[in-house]
Protein backbone atom coordinates (compact mmCIF):
# COMPACT_ATOMS: atom_id res chain seq x y z
CA MET A 1 34.54 1.68 15.85
CA PRO A 2 34.36 4.68 13.47
CA ASP A 3 34.33 8.31 14.60
CA THR A 4 30.94 8.98 16.15
CA HIS A 5 30.56 12.69 15.36
CA VAL A 6 27.79 12.80 12.77
CA GLU A 7 29.28 15.71 10.81
CA ALA A 8 32.31 13.51 10.18
CA SER A 9 30.15 10.80 8.60
CA LEU A 10 29.63 10.23 4.87
CA LEU A 11 26.07 11.53 5.05
CA GLY A 12 25.47 14.29 2.52
CA LYS A 13 28.95 13.98 1.00
CA PRO A 14 30.14 12.64 -2.37
CA THR A 15 31.21 9.03 -1.90
CA GLU A 16 33.56 6.90 -3.95
CA TYR A 17 31.98 3.48 -4.16
CA ASP A 18 34.30 0.54 -4.92
CA GLY A 19 31.85 -2.27 -4.13
CA ALA A 20 34.18 -3.98 -1.68
CA TYR A 21 33.01 -5.47 1.61
CA ASP A 22 34.21 -3.28 4.46
CA ALA A 23 32.61 -3.35 7.90
CA GLY A 24 34.74 -0.31 8.73
CA VAL A 25 32.36 1.96 6.79
CA LEU A 26 29.62 1.42 9.39
CA TYR A 27 29.20 4.67 11.28
CA ALA A 28 27.89 4.72 14.86
CA VAL A 29 25.85 7.69 16.07
CA PRO A 30 25.55 7.69 19.89
CA ARG A 31 21.98 7.95 21.14
CA ALA A 32 22.82 9.61 24.47
CA PRO A 33 23.50 13.17 23.20
CA MET A 34 20.29 13.22 21.15
CA ARG A 35 18.34 11.92 24.13
CA ALA A 36 19.90 14.50 26.42
CA GLU A 37 18.40 17.19 24.15
CA LEU A 38 14.99 15.69 24.98
CA GLY A 39 15.71 15.58 28.70
CA ILE A 40 16.15 11.80 28.68
CA LEU A 41 18.90 11.03 31.19
CA GLY A 42 19.59 7.78 33.00
CA THR A 43 16.92 5.08 32.82
CA LEU A 44 14.96 5.17 29.57
CA PRO A 45 11.21 5.91 29.92
CA PHE A 46 10.45 3.44 27.13
CA LEU A 47 11.49 0.22 25.48
CA GLY A 48 11.21 -0.55 21.79
CA ALA A 49 13.14 -1.04 18.60
CA ASP A 50 14.10 0.47 15.27
CA ILE A 51 12.92 -1.83 12.48
CA TRP A 52 14.92 -1.32 9.28
CA ASN A 53 14.04 -2.91 5.95
CA ALA A 54 16.77 -3.19 3.32
CA TYR A 55 15.67 -3.87 -0.25
CA GLU A 56 19.05 -3.83 -1.99
CA LEU A 57 21.07 -6.82 -0.78
CA SER A 58 23.01 -9.14 -3.06
CA TRP A 59 26.03 -11.43 -2.80
CA LEU A 60 27.66 -14.24 -4.79
CA ASN A 61 27.29 -17.96 -4.13
CA MET A 62 30.41 -20.13 -4.07
CA ARG A 63 30.19 -20.54 -7.87
CA GLY A 64 30.09 -16.79 -8.44
CA LYS A 65 26.37 -16.52 -9.22
CA PRO A 66 24.60 -13.45 -7.74
CA GLN A 67 21.97 -14.02 -5.05
CA VAL A 68 19.40 -11.51 -3.75
CA ALA A 69 17.38 -11.12 -0.56
CA LEU A 70 15.51 -8.58 1.51
CA ALA A 71 16.69 -7.87 5.05
CA LYS A 72 14.78 -6.93 8.18
CA ILE A 73 17.18 -5.48 10.75
CA ILE A 74 16.06 -4.82 14.33
CA PHE A 75 18.09 -2.45 16.50
CA PRO A 76 17.01 -2.42 20.17
CA ALA A 77 16.06 1.02 21.44
CA ASP A 78 18.48 0.64 24.34
CA SER A 79 21.54 0.10 22.12
CA PRO A 80 24.22 2.72 22.85
CA ALA A 81 24.31 3.79 19.20
CA LEU A 82 22.24 3.82 16.06
CA ILE A 83 23.92 3.42 12.68
CA GLU A 84 23.95 6.21 10.13
CA SER A 85 21.87 5.08 7.16
CA LYS A 86 24.23 5.94 4.30
CA SER A 87 27.02 4.00 5.95
CA LEU A 88 24.70 1.00 6.27
CA LYS A 89 23.79 1.22 2.60
CA LEU A 90 27.47 1.30 1.62
CA TYR A 91 28.16 -1.60 3.95
CA LEU A 92 25.38 -3.75 2.46
CA ASN A 93 26.45 -2.89 -1.09
CA GLY A 94 29.86 -4.27 -0.19
CA TYR A 95 28.42 -7.79 -0.27
CA SER A 96 27.70 -7.59 -4.00
CA GLN A 97 31.06 -8.97 -5.10
CA ILE A 98 31.95 -11.40 -2.31
CA ALA A 99 31.20 -15.13 -2.22
CA MET A 100 29.25 -16.43 0.79
CA GLN A 101 28.45 -20.01 1.68
CA ASP A 102 24.69 -19.43 1.95
CA MET A 103 22.01 -16.97 3.12
CA ASN A 104 22.54 -17.97 6.74
CA ALA A 105 26.22 -17.03 6.52
CA VAL A 106 25.27 -13.60 5.14
CA LYS A 107 22.74 -13.08 7.92
CA ASN A 108 25.19 -14.06 10.64
CA ARG A 109 27.93 -11.78 9.34
CA ILE A 110 25.62 -8.78 9.03
CA ALA A 111 24.26 -9.39 12.54
CA ALA A 112 27.75 -9.66 14.02
CA ASP A 113 29.03 -6.49 12.31
CA LEU A 114 25.99 -4.38 13.20
CA SER A 115 25.91 -5.65 16.79
CA ARG A 116 29.54 -4.69 17.26
CA VAL A 117 29.03 -1.14 16.00
CA ALA A 118 25.66 -0.54 17.71
CA GLY A 119 26.98 -1.92 21.00
CA ALA A 120 24.07 -4.34 21.50
CA ARG A 121 22.61 -7.42 19.86
CA VAL A 122 21.06 -6.62 16.48
CA ASP A 123 18.67 -9.18 14.99
CA VAL A 124 18.78 -9.79 11.24
CA HIS A 125 16.24 -11.72 9.18
CA LEU A 126 16.70 -12.39 5.45
CA GLN A 127 13.90 -13.34 3.07
CA THR A 128 13.80 -14.20 -0.60
CA PRO A 129 11.60 -12.08 -2.89
CA GLU A 130 9.22 -15.05 -3.15
CA GLU A 131 8.76 -15.10 0.63
CA VAL A 132 7.94 -11.39 0.68
CA ALA A 133 5.72 -11.39 -2.41
CA GLY A 134 2.68 -12.68 -0.55
CA GLN A 135 2.67 -9.85 1.99
CA SER A 136 -0.02 -7.22 1.54
CA LEU A 137 0.34 -3.47 1.73
CA THR A 138 -1.64 -1.99 4.58
CA GLU A 139 -2.35 1.30 6.29
CA MET A 140 -1.68 1.64 10.00
CA ALA A 141 -4.73 0.77 12.08
CA GLY A 142 -6.42 3.53 14.04
CA LEU A 143 -8.63 6.61 13.84
CA LEU A 144 -7.26 8.91 11.14
CA LEU A 145 -6.44 12.38 12.47
CA ASP A 146 -6.06 13.70 8.94
CA ARG A 147 -9.86 13.74 8.55
CA LEU A 148 -9.98 16.86 10.74
CA ASP A 149 -10.48 20.17 8.91
CA ILE A 150 -8.19 22.43 10.91
CA ASP A 151 -6.14 25.58 10.49
CA VAL A 152 -2.42 25.00 10.96
CA GLU A 153 0.54 27.28 11.42
CA VAL A 154 3.65 25.31 10.58
CA GLY A 155 6.34 26.16 13.07
CA GLN A 156 8.61 24.59 15.62
CA VAL A 157 7.52 21.55 17.58
CA GLY A 158 5.95 22.42 20.92
CA LYS A 159 4.30 20.11 23.44
CA GLU A 160 2.37 23.09 24.81
CA ILE A 161 0.03 22.61 21.83
CA LEU A 162 -1.18 19.29 23.22
CA GLN A 163 -4.44 19.31 25.20
CA VAL A 164 -6.33 16.69 27.19
CA ASP A 165 -9.69 16.57 28.95
CA ALA A 166 -8.59 15.55 32.44
CA SER A 167 -12.19 15.68 33.72
CA THR A 168 -13.22 12.75 31.51
CA PRO A 169 -12.64 9.06 32.41
CA GLN A 170 -9.69 7.32 30.80
CA ILE A 171 -10.12 5.94 27.31
CA GLU A 172 -8.12 3.52 25.19
CA GLN A 173 -7.51 4.91 21.72
CA THR A 174 -5.31 4.48 18.67
CA LEU A 175 -4.76 7.54 16.47
CA VAL A 176 -2.99 7.67 13.11
CA SER A 177 -1.65 10.40 10.85
CA ARG A 178 0.02 10.18 7.45
CA LEU A 179 1.17 13.80 7.66
CA LEU A 180 4.39 13.39 9.64
CA LYS A 181 7.36 14.99 7.92
CA SER A 182 10.74 15.92 9.34
CA ASN A 183 14.11 16.74 7.82
CA CYS A 184 17.51 15.07 7.95
CA PRO A 185 19.64 17.12 10.39
CA VAL A 186 22.70 16.83 8.13
CA THR A 187 21.43 17.07 4.53
CA GLY A 188 18.12 18.86 5.12
CA GLN A 189 16.35 16.34 2.88
CA PRO A 190 12.72 15.59 3.79
CA ASP A 191 11.76 12.42 5.64
CA TRP A 192 8.12 11.33 5.17
CA ALA A 193 6.21 9.04 7.52
CA SER A 194 2.95 7.78 8.90
CA VAL A 195 2.66 7.60 12.68
CA GLN A 196 0.46 5.52 14.98
CA ILE A 197 -0.13 6.60 18.59
CA TYR A 198 -1.81 4.28 21.07
CA TYR A 199 -2.62 5.46 24.58
CA LEU A 200 -4.68 4.69 27.66
CA GLY A 201 -5.48 7.84 29.56
CA ALA A 202 -7.42 11.08 29.57
CA PRO A 203 -8.78 11.83 26.07
CA ILE A 204 -6.25 13.72 23.97
CA ASP A 205 -7.70 16.57 21.94
CA GLN A 206 -7.29 15.24 18.42
CA ALA A 207 -7.01 18.62 16.70
CA SER A 208 -4.21 19.66 19.06
CA LEU A 209 -2.37 16.38 18.41
CA LEU A 210 -2.63 16.83 14.64
CA ARG A 211 -1.32 20.40 14.89
CA TYR A 212 1.52 19.14 17.05
CA LEU A 213 2.50 16.46 14.53
CA VAL A 214 2.38 18.91 11.61
CA GLY A 215 4.81 21.05 13.61
CA PHE A 216 7.55 18.53 12.79
CA ARG A 217 7.38 19.64 9.15
CA THR A 218 10.31 22.03 9.59
CA HIS A 219 12.01 20.05 12.36
CA ASN A 220 15.53 18.70 11.82
CA ALA A 221 16.19 15.37 13.53
CA PHE A 222 16.81 11.71 12.78
CA HIS A 223 13.78 9.41 12.53
CA GLU A 224 14.50 7.80 15.88
CA GLN A 225 14.81 11.12 17.70
CA CYS A 226 11.52 12.39 16.22
CA VAL A 227 9.64 9.35 17.50
CA GLU A 228 11.24 9.67 20.92
CA GLN A 229 10.32 13.34 21.08
CA ILE A 230 6.70 12.56 20.20
CA PHE A 231 6.66 9.92 22.94
CA ILE A 232 8.23 12.20 25.56
CA ASP A 233 6.05 15.20 24.70
CA ILE A 234 2.80 13.21 24.86
CA GLN A 235 3.92 11.53 28.06
CA HIS A 236 4.72 14.85 29.74
CA ALA A 237 1.75 16.83 28.42
CA CYS A 238 -0.98 14.19 28.54
CA ARG A 239 0.16 11.77 31.27
CA PRO A 240 -1.28 8.58 29.75
CA THR A 241 -1.05 5.35 31.73
CA LYS A 242 0.04 3.47 28.62
CA LEU A 243 1.66 4.91 25.51
CA SER A 244 3.26 3.67 22.33
CA VAL A 245 4.44 5.60 19.27
CA TYR A 246 5.26 3.85 15.99
CA ALA A 247 6.36 5.64 12.81
CA ARG A 248 6.93 4.10 9.42
CA TYR A 249 9.13 6.26 7.22
CA THR A 250 9.23 6.04 3.45
CA ARG A 251 12.17 4.43 1.73
CA ARG A 252 15.37 6.26 0.88
CA GLY A 253 18.42 4.67 -0.73
CA GLY A 254 16.91 1.20 -0.53
CA LEU A 255 16.22 1.47 3.21
CA ASP A 256 13.20 2.32 5.31
CA ILE A 257 13.44 3.00 9.06
CA ASN A 258 10.54 2.39 11.41
CA PRO A 259 11.09 3.40 15.06
CA TRP A 260 8.77 2.13 17.80
CA ARG A 261 8.72 3.22 21.43
CA SER A 262 6.41 1.90 24.15
CA ASN A 263 6.14 1.87 27.93
CA PHE A 264 4.33 -1.49 27.99
CA ASN A 265 4.45 -4.88 26.28
CA ALA A 266 7.60 -3.87 24.43
CA THR A 267 8.69 -7.47 23.91
CA THR A 268 6.17 -7.83 21.05
CA LEU A 269 7.16 -5.96 17.91
CA PRO A 270 4.45 -4.21 15.90
CA SER A 271 3.60 -5.34 12.39
CA ASN A 272 6.31 -4.77 9.80
CA LEU A 273 3.90 -4.70 6.85
CA ARG A 274 4.59 -1.83 4.44
CA HIS A 275 2.07 0.91 3.90
CA PRO A 276 1.30 2.12 0.34
CA ARG A 277 3.86 4.96 0.37
CA GLN A 278 6.67 2.59 1.34
């Protein structure tokens, strides 16, 4: 397994690309240290998955003719490590000049390599462009927080912003914002996303939740850590009975990453349909 210190990865550094298949370029980033920063120790307070979509995958058939497909890659949230995105891009590009028996062989090899590096079973699904062409773009379902006309001071993330009305009976509600933005902790490049928050509990003050989400605008963290922080902060500040947080990030380098965390019904993945900005 490669060195797991993120500053030693290829992220944000010039890379010499030779197009050769090499599973050794896959770079594991342990989840535990990032979770410790959020106070997550021991048993995880959620289940879930990171749903990756890869749009740049090609290999050769046994006669040397290029083939193309799109990949959906599902990392379980309880895997010991996530995989740094640039290393995954380089790894997938390594298939471009190797001959594979068929699409199933490609899928099985990718799944085996990623599972080994992540430390848990990773599911891989490949589709042809024709199979994907019929899928519609969609926005995330829920009440749009962005409709609120509020004053915002962009600063550091703070769960103390969040407010609930504990005197009111529990409600079941799904809230959505397209205004989530964070920054890569290594390169500083912006990461853009829409986020969907479902909860059953005391009503969350929507203006406070929107202000809280906008607070991520200057926050430096990986996609997965941002979603886990949103989950933990809402859980601690609002005490819902049920909670799920799902973010769909826009594409970078032929990959989009969509983390989902839930404390219920986490065996059923949310929809993987792209929204218009993806």
